[in-house]
N, C-alpha and C. Protein backbone atom coordinates (compact mmCIF):
# COMPACT_ATOMS: atom_id res chain seq x y z
N UNK A 1 0.84 -1.20 0.00
CA UNK A 1 0.00 0.00 0.00
C UNK A 1 0.87 1.25 0.00
N UNK A 2 0.46 2.27 -0.76
CA UNK A 2 1.24 3.49 -0.87
C UNK A 2 1.19 4.28 0.44
N UNK A 3 2.35 4.79 0.91
CA UNK A 3 2.37 5.58 2.14
C UNK A 3 1.46 6.81 2.04
N UNK A 4 0.98 7.25 3.19
CA UNK A 4 0.06 8.39 3.23
C UNK A 4 0.68 9.64 2.61
N UNK A 5 1.97 9.85 2.87
CA UNK A 5 2.62 11.05 2.33
C UNK A 5 2.59 11.05 0.80
N UNK A 6 2.77 9.87 0.19
CA UNK A 6 2.71 9.78 -1.26
C UNK A 6 1.30 10.06 -1.77
N UNK A 7 0.31 9.56 -1.06
CA UNK A 7 -1.09 9.82 -1.43
C UNK A 7 -1.37 11.32 -1.38
N UNK A 8 -0.86 11.98 -0.35
CA UNK A 8 -1.08 13.42 -0.19
C UNK A 8 -0.45 14.18 -1.35
N UNK A 9 0.80 13.87 -1.68
CA UNK A 9 1.48 14.59 -2.75
C UNK A 9 0.83 14.34 -4.11
N UNK A 10 0.43 13.11 -4.37
CA UNK A 10 -0.25 12.82 -5.64
C UNK A 10 -1.61 13.50 -5.70
N UNK A 11 -2.30 13.55 -4.58
CA UNK A 11 -3.60 14.24 -4.55
C UNK A 11 -3.44 15.73 -4.79
N UNK A 12 -2.42 16.33 -4.17
CA UNK A 12 -2.15 17.74 -4.39
C UNK A 12 -1.80 18.00 -5.85
N UNK A 13 -1.02 17.09 -6.44
CA UNK A 13 -0.67 17.22 -7.85
C UNK A 13 -1.92 17.18 -8.72
N UNK A 14 -2.83 16.27 -8.40
CA UNK A 14 -4.07 16.13 -9.17
C UNK A 14 -4.92 17.39 -9.07
N UNK A 15 -5.07 17.91 -7.86
CA UNK A 15 -5.88 19.12 -7.67
C UNK A 15 -5.28 20.30 -8.42
N UNK A 16 -3.97 20.48 -8.28
CA UNK A 16 -3.32 21.59 -8.98
C UNK A 16 -3.39 21.39 -10.49
N UNK A 17 -3.26 20.14 -10.95
CA UNK A 17 -3.36 19.86 -12.38
C UNK A 17 -4.71 20.25 -12.94
N UNK A 18 -5.76 19.95 -12.20
CA UNK A 18 -7.12 20.31 -12.64
C UNK A 18 -7.27 21.84 -12.70
N UNK A 19 -6.74 22.53 -11.70
CA UNK A 19 -6.79 23.99 -11.70
C UNK A 19 -6.04 24.55 -12.91
N UNK A 20 -4.86 23.99 -13.19
CA UNK A 20 -4.06 24.46 -14.32
C UNK A 20 -4.79 24.23 -15.64
N UNK A 21 -5.37 23.04 -15.81
CA UNK A 21 -6.10 22.75 -17.04
C UNK A 21 -7.25 23.74 -17.22
N UNK A 22 -8.00 23.99 -16.16
CA UNK A 22 -9.11 24.94 -16.25
C UNK A 22 -8.61 26.34 -16.62
N UNK A 23 -7.47 26.72 -16.06
CA UNK A 23 -6.92 28.05 -16.32
C UNK A 23 -6.51 28.19 -17.79
N UNK A 24 -5.76 27.21 -18.31
CA UNK A 24 -5.26 27.36 -19.67
C UNK A 24 -6.37 27.20 -20.71
N UNK A 25 -7.36 26.38 -20.42
CA UNK A 25 -8.48 26.25 -21.36
C UNK A 25 -9.28 27.55 -21.40
N UNK A 26 -9.45 28.18 -20.26
CA UNK A 26 -10.13 29.49 -20.23
C UNK A 26 -9.33 30.51 -21.03
N UNK A 27 -8.00 30.48 -20.88
CA UNK A 27 -7.16 31.40 -21.65
C UNK A 27 -7.23 31.08 -23.15
N UNK A 28 -7.34 29.79 -23.48
CA UNK A 28 -7.42 29.41 -24.89
C UNK A 28 -8.68 29.96 -25.55
N UNK A 29 -9.78 29.95 -24.83
CA UNK A 29 -11.04 30.49 -25.37
C UNK A 29 -10.85 31.95 -25.79
N UNK A 30 -10.01 32.68 -25.07
CA UNK A 30 -9.80 34.10 -25.36
C UNK A 30 -8.73 34.32 -26.43
N UNK A 31 -7.71 33.46 -26.48
CA UNK A 31 -6.55 33.74 -27.33
C UNK A 31 -6.35 32.78 -28.49
N UNK A 32 -6.87 31.57 -28.39
CA UNK A 32 -6.69 30.53 -29.40
C UNK A 32 -5.21 30.20 -29.62
N UNK A 33 -4.41 30.31 -28.58
CA UNK A 33 -2.98 29.98 -28.68
C UNK A 33 -2.79 28.48 -28.54
N UNK A 34 -2.14 27.87 -29.53
CA UNK A 34 -2.04 26.42 -29.60
C UNK A 34 -1.27 25.85 -28.41
N UNK A 35 -0.31 26.62 -27.88
CA UNK A 35 0.47 26.08 -26.77
C UNK A 35 -0.40 25.77 -25.56
N UNK A 36 -1.49 26.48 -25.40
CA UNK A 36 -2.37 26.24 -24.26
C UNK A 36 -3.04 24.87 -24.35
N UNK A 37 -3.43 24.47 -25.55
CA UNK A 37 -4.01 23.14 -25.74
C UNK A 37 -2.97 22.06 -25.48
N UNK A 38 -1.74 22.30 -25.95
CA UNK A 38 -0.67 21.32 -25.73
C UNK A 38 -0.38 21.17 -24.24
N UNK A 39 -0.35 22.27 -23.52
CA UNK A 39 -0.08 22.20 -22.08
C UNK A 39 -1.23 21.55 -21.33
N UNK A 40 -2.45 21.82 -21.75
CA UNK A 40 -3.60 21.17 -21.11
C UNK A 40 -3.56 19.66 -21.32
N UNK A 41 -3.19 19.23 -22.54
CA UNK A 41 -3.09 17.80 -22.82
C UNK A 41 -1.96 17.16 -22.02
N UNK A 42 -0.85 17.87 -21.87
CA UNK A 42 0.27 17.36 -21.06
C UNK A 42 -0.16 17.18 -19.61
N UNK A 43 -0.89 18.15 -19.08
CA UNK A 43 -1.38 18.05 -17.71
C UNK A 43 -2.39 16.92 -17.55
N UNK A 44 -3.22 16.71 -18.57
CA UNK A 44 -4.19 15.61 -18.53
C UNK A 44 -3.48 14.26 -18.50
N UNK A 45 -2.38 14.14 -19.26
CA UNK A 45 -1.60 12.90 -19.24
C UNK A 45 -1.00 12.67 -17.86
N UNK A 46 -0.50 13.74 -17.25
CA UNK A 46 0.05 13.61 -15.89
C UNK A 46 -1.03 13.20 -14.90
N UNK A 47 -2.22 13.75 -15.05
CA UNK A 47 -3.34 13.36 -14.19
C UNK A 47 -3.66 11.88 -14.34
N UNK A 48 -3.61 11.39 -15.57
CA UNK A 48 -3.91 9.97 -15.81
C UNK A 48 -2.89 9.07 -15.12
N UNK A 49 -1.61 9.43 -15.24
CA UNK A 49 -0.56 8.64 -14.59
C UNK A 49 -0.68 8.75 -13.07
N UNK A 50 -0.90 9.96 -12.57
CA UNK A 50 -1.05 10.15 -11.13
C UNK A 50 -2.23 9.39 -10.56
N UNK A 51 -3.34 9.38 -11.30
CA UNK A 51 -4.53 8.64 -10.85
C UNK A 51 -4.25 7.14 -10.80
N UNK A 52 -3.48 6.66 -11.78
CA UNK A 52 -3.10 5.25 -11.79
C UNK A 52 -2.28 4.89 -10.56
N UNK A 53 -1.33 5.77 -10.22
CA UNK A 53 -0.51 5.52 -9.03
C UNK A 53 -1.35 5.57 -7.76
N UNK A 54 -2.32 6.48 -7.70
CA UNK A 54 -3.20 6.54 -6.53
C UNK A 54 -4.02 5.27 -6.39
N UNK A 55 -4.47 4.71 -7.50
CA UNK A 55 -5.33 3.53 -7.46
C UNK A 55 -4.54 2.24 -7.20
N UNK A 56 -3.37 2.13 -7.81
CA UNK A 56 -2.63 0.86 -7.79
C UNK A 56 -1.30 0.93 -7.06
N UNK A 57 -0.92 2.12 -6.57
CA UNK A 57 0.40 2.25 -6.00
C UNK A 57 1.44 2.24 -7.11
N UNK A 58 2.70 2.07 -6.75
CA UNK A 58 3.75 2.08 -7.75
C UNK A 58 3.70 0.85 -8.65
N UNK A 59 2.92 -0.17 -8.26
CA UNK A 59 2.70 -1.30 -9.16
C UNK A 59 2.00 -0.85 -10.43
N UNK A 60 1.32 0.30 -10.37
CA UNK A 60 0.66 0.83 -11.55
C UNK A 60 1.62 1.17 -12.67
N UNK A 61 2.90 1.35 -12.34
CA UNK A 61 3.90 1.60 -13.38
C UNK A 61 4.03 0.43 -14.33
N UNK A 62 3.65 -0.76 -13.86
CA UNK A 62 3.79 -1.96 -14.69
C UNK A 62 2.62 -2.14 -15.65
N UNK A 63 1.56 -1.35 -15.50
CA UNK A 63 0.44 -1.46 -16.43
C UNK A 63 0.87 -1.00 -17.81
N UNK A 64 0.36 -1.64 -18.87
CA UNK A 64 0.83 -1.35 -20.23
C UNK A 64 0.73 0.11 -20.65
N UNK A 65 -0.31 0.79 -20.21
CA UNK A 65 -0.54 2.14 -20.72
C UNK A 65 0.21 3.22 -19.95
N UNK A 66 0.72 2.90 -18.78
CA UNK A 66 1.29 3.95 -17.92
C UNK A 66 2.48 4.64 -18.57
N UNK A 67 3.44 3.86 -19.04
CA UNK A 67 4.62 4.46 -19.65
C UNK A 67 4.28 5.13 -20.97
N UNK A 68 3.25 4.63 -21.66
CA UNK A 68 2.83 5.25 -22.92
C UNK A 68 2.27 6.64 -22.66
N UNK A 69 1.30 6.71 -21.75
CA UNK A 69 0.68 8.00 -21.42
C UNK A 69 1.71 8.95 -20.83
N UNK A 70 2.64 8.39 -20.05
CA UNK A 70 3.65 9.22 -19.42
C UNK A 70 4.57 9.92 -20.40
N UNK A 71 4.64 9.44 -21.64
CA UNK A 71 5.48 10.09 -22.65
C UNK A 71 4.90 11.43 -23.08
N UNK A 72 3.59 11.58 -22.93
CA UNK A 72 2.94 12.79 -23.44
C UNK A 72 3.17 14.00 -22.54
N UNK A 73 3.43 13.79 -21.26
CA UNK A 73 3.62 14.94 -20.38
C UNK A 73 4.85 15.76 -20.77
N UNK A 74 6.06 15.18 -20.80
CA UNK A 74 7.20 16.00 -21.21
C UNK A 74 7.14 16.38 -22.68
N UNK A 75 6.64 15.46 -23.53
CA UNK A 75 6.60 15.74 -24.96
C UNK A 75 5.71 16.92 -25.31
N UNK A 76 4.52 16.96 -24.75
CA UNK A 76 3.59 18.04 -25.08
C UNK A 76 3.91 19.33 -24.33
N UNK A 77 4.48 19.22 -23.13
CA UNK A 77 4.98 20.43 -22.47
C UNK A 77 6.05 21.10 -23.32
N UNK A 78 6.98 20.29 -23.82
CA UNK A 78 8.04 20.83 -24.67
C UNK A 78 7.48 21.39 -25.97
N UNK A 79 6.51 20.69 -26.56
CA UNK A 79 5.89 21.18 -27.79
C UNK A 79 5.24 22.54 -27.57
N UNK A 80 4.58 22.71 -26.43
CA UNK A 80 3.97 24.00 -26.12
C UNK A 80 4.99 25.11 -25.98
N UNK A 81 6.12 24.79 -25.35
CA UNK A 81 7.17 25.80 -25.21
C UNK A 81 7.76 26.18 -26.56
N UNK A 82 7.93 25.19 -27.43
CA UNK A 82 8.42 25.49 -28.78
C UNK A 82 7.45 26.42 -29.50
N UNK A 83 6.16 26.13 -29.40
CA UNK A 83 5.16 26.99 -30.03
C UNK A 83 5.19 28.40 -29.46
N UNK A 84 5.38 28.50 -28.15
CA UNK A 84 5.35 29.81 -27.50
C UNK A 84 6.61 30.61 -27.74
N UNK A 85 7.77 29.94 -27.75
CA UNK A 85 9.04 30.65 -27.71
C UNK A 85 9.82 30.61 -29.02
N UNK A 86 9.46 29.72 -29.94
CA UNK A 86 10.19 29.65 -31.21
C UNK A 86 9.24 29.91 -32.37
N UNK A 87 8.40 28.92 -32.70
CA UNK A 87 7.45 29.09 -33.80
C UNK A 87 6.31 28.09 -33.62
N UNK A 88 5.09 28.56 -33.85
CA UNK A 88 3.92 27.73 -33.60
C UNK A 88 3.99 26.41 -34.36
N UNK A 89 4.33 26.46 -35.65
CA UNK A 89 4.34 25.24 -36.45
C UNK A 89 5.36 24.23 -35.93
N UNK A 90 6.50 24.72 -35.46
CA UNK A 90 7.52 23.81 -34.94
C UNK A 90 7.00 23.05 -33.72
N UNK A 91 6.23 23.74 -32.88
CA UNK A 91 5.63 23.07 -31.73
C UNK A 91 4.65 21.99 -32.14
N UNK A 92 3.88 22.27 -33.19
CA UNK A 92 2.94 21.27 -33.70
C UNK A 92 3.71 20.06 -34.24
N UNK A 93 4.80 20.32 -34.96
CA UNK A 93 5.61 19.21 -35.49
C UNK A 93 6.16 18.35 -34.35
N UNK A 94 6.60 19.01 -33.27
CA UNK A 94 7.14 18.23 -32.14
C UNK A 94 6.04 17.44 -31.46
N UNK A 95 4.84 17.99 -31.40
CA UNK A 95 3.72 17.24 -30.84
C UNK A 95 3.42 16.00 -31.69
N UNK A 96 3.48 16.16 -33.01
CA UNK A 96 3.27 15.02 -33.92
C UNK A 96 4.36 13.98 -33.71
N UNK A 97 5.60 14.44 -33.56
CA UNK A 97 6.72 13.53 -33.28
C UNK A 97 6.47 12.74 -32.00
N UNK A 98 6.01 13.42 -30.96
CA UNK A 98 5.71 12.76 -29.69
C UNK A 98 4.64 11.70 -29.87
N UNK A 99 3.58 12.03 -30.58
CA UNK A 99 2.49 11.08 -30.81
C UNK A 99 2.97 9.88 -31.61
N UNK A 100 3.80 10.13 -32.62
CA UNK A 100 4.32 9.04 -33.46
C UNK A 100 5.20 8.09 -32.65
N UNK A 101 6.12 8.64 -31.86
CA UNK A 101 7.01 7.79 -31.06
C UNK A 101 6.21 7.00 -30.04
N UNK A 102 5.24 7.65 -29.40
CA UNK A 102 4.40 6.94 -28.43
C UNK A 102 3.61 5.83 -29.11
N UNK A 103 3.13 6.08 -30.32
CA UNK A 103 2.40 5.06 -31.06
C UNK A 103 3.28 3.88 -31.44
N UNK A 104 4.50 4.17 -31.89
CA UNK A 104 5.45 3.10 -32.22
C UNK A 104 5.79 2.30 -30.98
N UNK A 105 6.01 3.01 -29.87
CA UNK A 105 6.31 2.34 -28.61
C UNK A 105 5.17 1.40 -28.20
N UNK A 106 3.94 1.89 -28.32
CA UNK A 106 2.79 1.07 -27.95
C UNK A 106 2.67 -0.16 -28.83
N UNK A 107 3.01 -0.01 -30.11
CA UNK A 107 2.85 -1.11 -31.06
C UNK A 107 3.98 -2.12 -31.02
N UNK A 108 5.12 -1.74 -30.47
CA UNK A 108 6.30 -2.61 -30.56
C UNK A 108 6.88 -3.00 -29.20
N UNK A 109 6.11 -2.87 -28.14
CA UNK A 109 6.63 -3.23 -26.82
C UNK A 109 7.09 -4.68 -26.77
N UNK A 110 6.49 -5.53 -27.56
CA UNK A 110 6.84 -6.95 -27.55
C UNK A 110 8.18 -7.22 -28.21
N UNK A 111 8.75 -6.23 -28.90
CA UNK A 111 10.00 -6.45 -29.62
C UNK A 111 11.16 -6.68 -28.66
N UNK A 112 11.17 -5.99 -27.54
CA UNK A 112 12.26 -6.15 -26.58
C UNK A 112 12.45 -4.88 -25.78
N UNK A 113 12.84 -5.04 -24.52
CA UNK A 113 12.96 -3.89 -23.64
C UNK A 113 14.03 -2.91 -24.09
N UNK A 114 15.09 -3.38 -24.72
CA UNK A 114 16.12 -2.47 -25.20
C UNK A 114 15.55 -1.46 -26.18
N UNK A 115 14.75 -1.94 -27.11
CA UNK A 115 14.11 -1.06 -28.08
C UNK A 115 13.11 -0.14 -27.40
N UNK A 116 12.39 -0.67 -26.41
CA UNK A 116 11.41 0.14 -25.68
C UNK A 116 12.10 1.29 -24.96
N UNK A 117 13.23 1.03 -24.34
CA UNK A 117 13.95 2.08 -23.64
C UNK A 117 14.42 3.14 -24.62
N UNK A 118 14.89 2.71 -25.80
CA UNK A 118 15.33 3.68 -26.81
C UNK A 118 14.20 4.62 -27.20
N UNK A 119 12.99 4.07 -27.34
CA UNK A 119 11.84 4.90 -27.70
C UNK A 119 11.45 5.83 -26.56
N UNK A 120 11.50 5.32 -25.33
CA UNK A 120 11.21 6.18 -24.18
C UNK A 120 12.19 7.35 -24.11
N UNK A 121 13.46 7.04 -24.28
CA UNK A 121 14.47 8.08 -24.22
C UNK A 121 14.36 9.05 -25.38
N UNK A 122 13.83 8.58 -26.52
CA UNK A 122 13.65 9.46 -27.68
C UNK A 122 12.64 10.57 -27.40
N UNK A 123 11.79 10.37 -26.40
CA UNK A 123 10.87 11.42 -25.97
C UNK A 123 11.42 12.15 -24.75
N UNK A 124 11.81 11.40 -23.73
CA UNK A 124 12.16 12.02 -22.45
C UNK A 124 13.43 12.86 -22.52
N UNK A 125 14.43 12.43 -23.27
CA UNK A 125 15.70 13.17 -23.29
C UNK A 125 15.57 14.51 -24.02
N UNK A 126 15.14 14.52 -25.30
CA UNK A 126 15.03 15.84 -25.95
C UNK A 126 13.99 16.75 -25.29
N UNK A 127 12.89 16.16 -24.85
CA UNK A 127 11.85 16.97 -24.19
C UNK A 127 12.39 17.57 -22.90
N UNK A 128 13.14 16.77 -22.14
CA UNK A 128 13.73 17.28 -20.91
C UNK A 128 14.68 18.43 -21.16
N UNK A 129 15.52 18.29 -22.18
CA UNK A 129 16.46 19.37 -22.51
C UNK A 129 15.72 20.64 -22.92
N UNK A 130 14.67 20.47 -23.71
CA UNK A 130 13.88 21.63 -24.12
C UNK A 130 13.20 22.29 -22.93
N UNK A 131 12.69 21.47 -22.00
CA UNK A 131 12.02 22.01 -20.81
C UNK A 131 12.99 22.76 -19.90
N UNK A 132 14.24 22.39 -19.95
CA UNK A 132 15.24 23.07 -19.12
C UNK A 132 15.75 24.34 -19.80
N UNK A 133 16.16 24.22 -21.07
CA UNK A 133 16.91 25.31 -21.70
C UNK A 133 16.04 26.38 -22.35
N UNK A 134 14.92 26.01 -22.97
CA UNK A 134 14.09 27.05 -23.59
C UNK A 134 13.57 28.07 -22.57
N UNK A 135 12.96 27.62 -21.47
CA UNK A 135 12.52 28.63 -20.49
C UNK A 135 13.68 29.34 -19.80
N UNK A 136 14.83 28.66 -19.66
CA UNK A 136 15.98 29.33 -19.05
C UNK A 136 16.45 30.48 -19.93
N UNK A 137 16.50 30.26 -21.25
CA UNK A 137 16.89 31.32 -22.17
C UNK A 137 15.88 32.46 -22.14
N UNK A 138 14.59 32.09 -22.13
CA UNK A 138 13.54 33.12 -22.08
C UNK A 138 13.63 33.92 -20.79
N UNK A 139 13.93 33.25 -19.68
CA UNK A 139 14.08 33.96 -18.40
C UNK A 139 15.25 34.92 -18.45
N UNK A 140 16.34 34.49 -19.06
CA UNK A 140 17.52 35.34 -19.20
C UNK A 140 17.21 36.57 -20.05
N UNK A 141 16.30 36.39 -21.02
CA UNK A 141 15.94 37.50 -21.91
C UNK A 141 14.78 38.33 -21.39
N UNK A 142 14.37 38.10 -20.16
CA UNK A 142 13.41 39.00 -19.55
C UNK A 142 12.13 38.39 -19.04
N UNK A 143 11.81 37.15 -19.42
CA UNK A 143 10.58 36.52 -18.94
C UNK A 143 10.93 35.75 -17.67
N UNK A 144 11.16 36.48 -16.58
CA UNK A 144 11.71 35.92 -15.36
C UNK A 144 10.93 34.72 -14.80
N UNK A 145 9.59 34.72 -14.84
CA UNK A 145 8.86 33.58 -14.25
C UNK A 145 9.20 32.24 -14.88
N UNK A 146 9.68 32.26 -16.13
CA UNK A 146 10.00 30.99 -16.78
C UNK A 146 11.22 30.30 -16.17
N UNK A 147 11.93 31.00 -15.30
CA UNK A 147 13.00 30.34 -14.55
C UNK A 147 12.43 29.22 -13.70
N UNK A 148 11.22 29.42 -13.18
CA UNK A 148 10.55 28.36 -12.41
C UNK A 148 10.28 27.15 -13.29
N UNK A 149 9.85 27.41 -14.52
CA UNK A 149 9.58 26.32 -15.45
C UNK A 149 10.85 25.54 -15.76
N UNK A 150 11.96 26.25 -15.90
CA UNK A 150 13.23 25.59 -16.18
C UNK A 150 13.65 24.67 -15.03
N UNK A 151 13.52 25.17 -13.80
CA UNK A 151 13.86 24.34 -12.63
C UNK A 151 12.93 23.13 -12.55
N UNK A 152 11.64 23.37 -12.73
CA UNK A 152 10.69 22.26 -12.75
C UNK A 152 10.97 21.29 -13.86
N UNK A 153 11.41 21.80 -15.01
CA UNK A 153 11.75 20.93 -16.13
C UNK A 153 12.91 20.00 -15.80
N UNK A 154 13.89 20.53 -15.07
CA UNK A 154 15.01 19.69 -14.64
C UNK A 154 14.52 18.57 -13.73
N UNK A 155 13.67 18.92 -12.78
CA UNK A 155 13.17 17.92 -11.84
C UNK A 155 12.32 16.86 -12.53
N UNK A 156 11.40 17.30 -13.40
CA UNK A 156 10.50 16.34 -14.03
C UNK A 156 11.24 15.48 -15.05
N UNK A 157 12.33 16.01 -15.61
CA UNK A 157 13.11 15.22 -16.55
C UNK A 157 13.76 14.03 -15.85
N UNK A 158 14.36 14.30 -14.70
CA UNK A 158 14.98 13.22 -13.93
C UNK A 158 13.93 12.22 -13.47
N UNK A 159 12.82 12.73 -12.93
CA UNK A 159 11.76 11.84 -12.44
C UNK A 159 11.15 11.05 -13.58
N UNK A 160 10.94 11.69 -14.72
CA UNK A 160 10.32 11.01 -15.85
C UNK A 160 11.16 9.85 -16.36
N UNK A 161 12.45 10.10 -16.53
CA UNK A 161 13.33 9.02 -17.00
C UNK A 161 13.40 7.90 -15.96
N UNK A 162 13.50 8.27 -14.68
CA UNK A 162 13.58 7.25 -13.63
C UNK A 162 12.34 6.37 -13.59
N UNK A 163 11.16 6.98 -13.65
CA UNK A 163 9.91 6.21 -13.59
C UNK A 163 9.67 5.43 -14.88
N UNK A 164 10.01 6.03 -16.01
CA UNK A 164 9.79 5.35 -17.29
C UNK A 164 10.65 4.10 -17.41
N UNK A 165 11.91 4.20 -17.00
CA UNK A 165 12.78 3.03 -17.08
C UNK A 165 12.40 1.97 -16.04
N UNK A 166 11.87 2.41 -14.91
CA UNK A 166 11.32 1.45 -13.95
C UNK A 166 10.14 0.70 -14.55
N UNK A 167 9.32 1.41 -15.32
CA UNK A 167 8.11 0.82 -15.90
C UNK A 167 8.42 -0.31 -16.87
N UNK A 168 9.60 -0.24 -17.51
CA UNK A 168 9.97 -1.30 -18.45
C UNK A 168 10.96 -2.27 -17.83
N UNK A 169 11.16 -2.17 -16.52
CA UNK A 169 12.00 -3.14 -15.82
C UNK A 169 13.49 -2.91 -15.94
N UNK A 170 13.90 -1.73 -16.39
CA UNK A 170 15.33 -1.42 -16.52
C UNK A 170 15.65 -0.09 -15.84
N UNK A 171 15.50 -0.01 -14.53
CA UNK A 171 15.69 1.27 -13.84
C UNK A 171 17.11 1.81 -13.99
N UNK A 172 17.20 3.11 -14.26
CA UNK A 172 18.50 3.76 -14.37
C UNK A 172 19.00 4.27 -13.02
N UNK A 173 18.08 4.45 -12.07
CA UNK A 173 18.42 4.89 -10.72
C UNK A 173 17.95 3.84 -9.71
N UNK A 174 18.54 3.80 -8.51
CA UNK A 174 18.11 2.83 -7.51
C UNK A 174 16.61 2.92 -7.24
N UNK A 175 15.94 1.78 -7.30
CA UNK A 175 14.49 1.76 -7.17
C UNK A 175 14.03 2.33 -5.84
N UNK A 176 14.71 1.97 -4.75
CA UNK A 176 14.31 2.46 -3.43
C UNK A 176 14.37 3.98 -3.36
N UNK A 177 15.40 4.56 -3.96
CA UNK A 177 15.53 6.02 -3.95
C UNK A 177 14.41 6.67 -4.75
N UNK A 178 14.12 6.11 -5.92
CA UNK A 178 13.06 6.65 -6.77
C UNK A 178 11.72 6.61 -6.06
N UNK A 179 11.41 5.47 -5.44
CA UNK A 179 10.13 5.32 -4.76
C UNK A 179 10.01 6.25 -3.56
N UNK A 180 11.14 6.56 -2.95
CA UNK A 180 11.12 7.39 -1.75
C UNK A 180 10.80 8.85 -2.06
N UNK A 181 11.26 9.34 -3.22
CA UNK A 181 11.13 10.78 -3.50
C UNK A 181 10.26 11.08 -4.72
N UNK A 182 9.74 10.07 -5.39
CA UNK A 182 9.05 10.28 -6.67
C UNK A 182 7.86 11.23 -6.55
N UNK A 183 6.98 10.99 -5.59
CA UNK A 183 5.76 11.80 -5.52
C UNK A 183 6.05 13.25 -5.14
N UNK A 184 7.05 13.46 -4.28
CA UNK A 184 7.42 14.83 -3.93
C UNK A 184 7.97 15.56 -5.15
N UNK A 185 8.81 14.86 -5.94
CA UNK A 185 9.38 15.47 -7.14
C UNK A 185 8.29 15.75 -8.16
N UNK A 186 7.35 14.83 -8.32
CA UNK A 186 6.25 15.03 -9.27
C UNK A 186 5.45 16.28 -8.90
N UNK A 187 5.12 16.41 -7.62
CA UNK A 187 4.34 17.58 -7.19
C UNK A 187 5.13 18.87 -7.37
N UNK A 188 6.37 18.89 -6.89
CA UNK A 188 7.17 20.11 -6.95
C UNK A 188 7.43 20.53 -8.39
N UNK A 189 7.78 19.57 -9.25
CA UNK A 189 8.06 19.90 -10.65
C UNK A 189 6.80 20.41 -11.35
N UNK A 190 5.67 19.77 -11.07
CA UNK A 190 4.40 20.22 -11.66
C UNK A 190 4.08 21.65 -11.24
N UNK A 191 4.24 21.93 -9.95
CA UNK A 191 3.94 23.26 -9.43
C UNK A 191 4.85 24.31 -10.06
N UNK A 192 6.15 24.03 -10.12
CA UNK A 192 7.10 25.00 -10.66
C UNK A 192 6.87 25.25 -12.15
N UNK A 193 6.70 24.17 -12.91
CA UNK A 193 6.50 24.32 -14.36
C UNK A 193 5.25 25.15 -14.65
N UNK A 194 4.16 24.79 -14.02
CA UNK A 194 2.89 25.45 -14.33
C UNK A 194 2.84 26.88 -13.81
N UNK A 195 3.41 27.13 -12.63
CA UNK A 195 3.46 28.51 -12.14
C UNK A 195 4.26 29.39 -13.08
N UNK A 196 5.38 28.87 -13.57
CA UNK A 196 6.18 29.63 -14.53
C UNK A 196 5.41 29.95 -15.79
N UNK A 197 4.67 28.97 -16.30
CA UNK A 197 3.88 29.18 -17.52
C UNK A 197 2.76 30.18 -17.29
N UNK A 198 2.08 30.06 -16.15
CA UNK A 198 0.98 30.98 -15.86
C UNK A 198 1.49 32.41 -15.67
N UNK A 199 2.55 32.56 -14.88
CA UNK A 199 3.07 33.90 -14.60
C UNK A 199 3.76 34.51 -15.81
N UNK A 200 4.34 33.65 -16.67
CA UNK A 200 5.01 34.15 -17.86
C UNK A 200 4.06 34.66 -18.93
N UNK A 201 2.82 34.12 -18.96
CA UNK A 201 1.78 34.55 -19.90
C UNK A 201 2.31 34.65 -21.34
N UNK A 202 2.97 33.58 -21.79
CA UNK A 202 3.57 33.62 -23.13
C UNK A 202 2.55 33.65 -24.25
N UNK A 203 1.26 33.42 -23.94
CA UNK A 203 0.25 33.42 -25.00
C UNK A 203 -0.31 34.81 -25.27
N UNK A 204 0.05 35.81 -24.47
CA UNK A 204 -0.46 37.16 -24.72
C UNK A 204 0.67 38.18 -24.86
N UNK A 205 1.88 37.72 -25.04
CA UNK A 205 3.00 38.64 -25.24
C UNK A 205 3.98 38.03 -26.23
N UNK A 206 4.64 38.86 -26.98
CA UNK A 206 5.58 38.40 -28.00
C UNK A 206 6.92 38.10 -27.35
N UNK A 207 7.28 36.82 -27.28
CA UNK A 207 8.51 36.45 -26.58
C UNK A 207 9.36 35.50 -27.43
N UNK A 208 9.20 35.54 -28.75
CA UNK A 208 9.95 34.63 -29.60
C UNK A 208 11.45 34.80 -29.38
N UNK A 209 12.13 33.70 -29.15
CA UNK A 209 13.55 33.76 -28.81
C UNK A 209 14.40 34.23 -29.96
N UNK A 210 13.87 34.13 -31.19
CA UNK A 210 14.68 34.56 -32.32
C UNK A 210 14.26 35.94 -32.83
N UNK A 211 13.44 36.64 -32.05
CA UNK A 211 12.91 37.93 -32.52
C UNK A 211 14.03 38.92 -32.83
N UNK A 212 15.12 38.91 -32.04
CA UNK A 212 16.18 39.89 -32.24
C UNK A 212 16.95 39.69 -33.52
N UNK A 213 16.85 38.48 -34.13
CA UNK A 213 17.60 38.19 -35.34
C UNK A 213 16.83 38.54 -36.60
N UNK A 214 15.59 38.99 -36.49
CA UNK A 214 14.77 39.31 -37.66
C UNK A 214 15.17 40.66 -38.23
């Protein structure tokens, strides 16, 4: 059975995720900014994984769909940042890439865990780097709240890779350590990422990182 502290942190993550989804969907109605839909979908994927952990404990990581759905959180968060900070179409392309890799992963899990890990890393590694560096650059260029998103991106990148590799039976970090701190990291990273996005308001201000080169 999952410890009470883990239940509390996952529940807090779920509540905050619902608030964030409601906030960005309301903003989307006003602005029609594609990054808001991508971020809402990423949060919904996180809610699905978190709900699975609440229902089944960490054994829920072994369910077939958990690692698949878990690929969409970093992938679509990164896609939204690309749309907001670089170019809308590029973010859409990255979202399509995320969906394609997740689909291939779902269809080929029986091929072998080595291949499965390669597909997981094909989403988690580039998405993690984008979640760290894109908001960090934007923060340096004046969008200070996105520094929170960058810090949260670092945390969720480590947690995502750790949990994803556990889900396929090839943990990259000690299992006991991951289980001890996973829910706290999930909550803290979710809070930091989403607060940075909300406070940065990238959907109502021009913050393209390449604007100075035009």
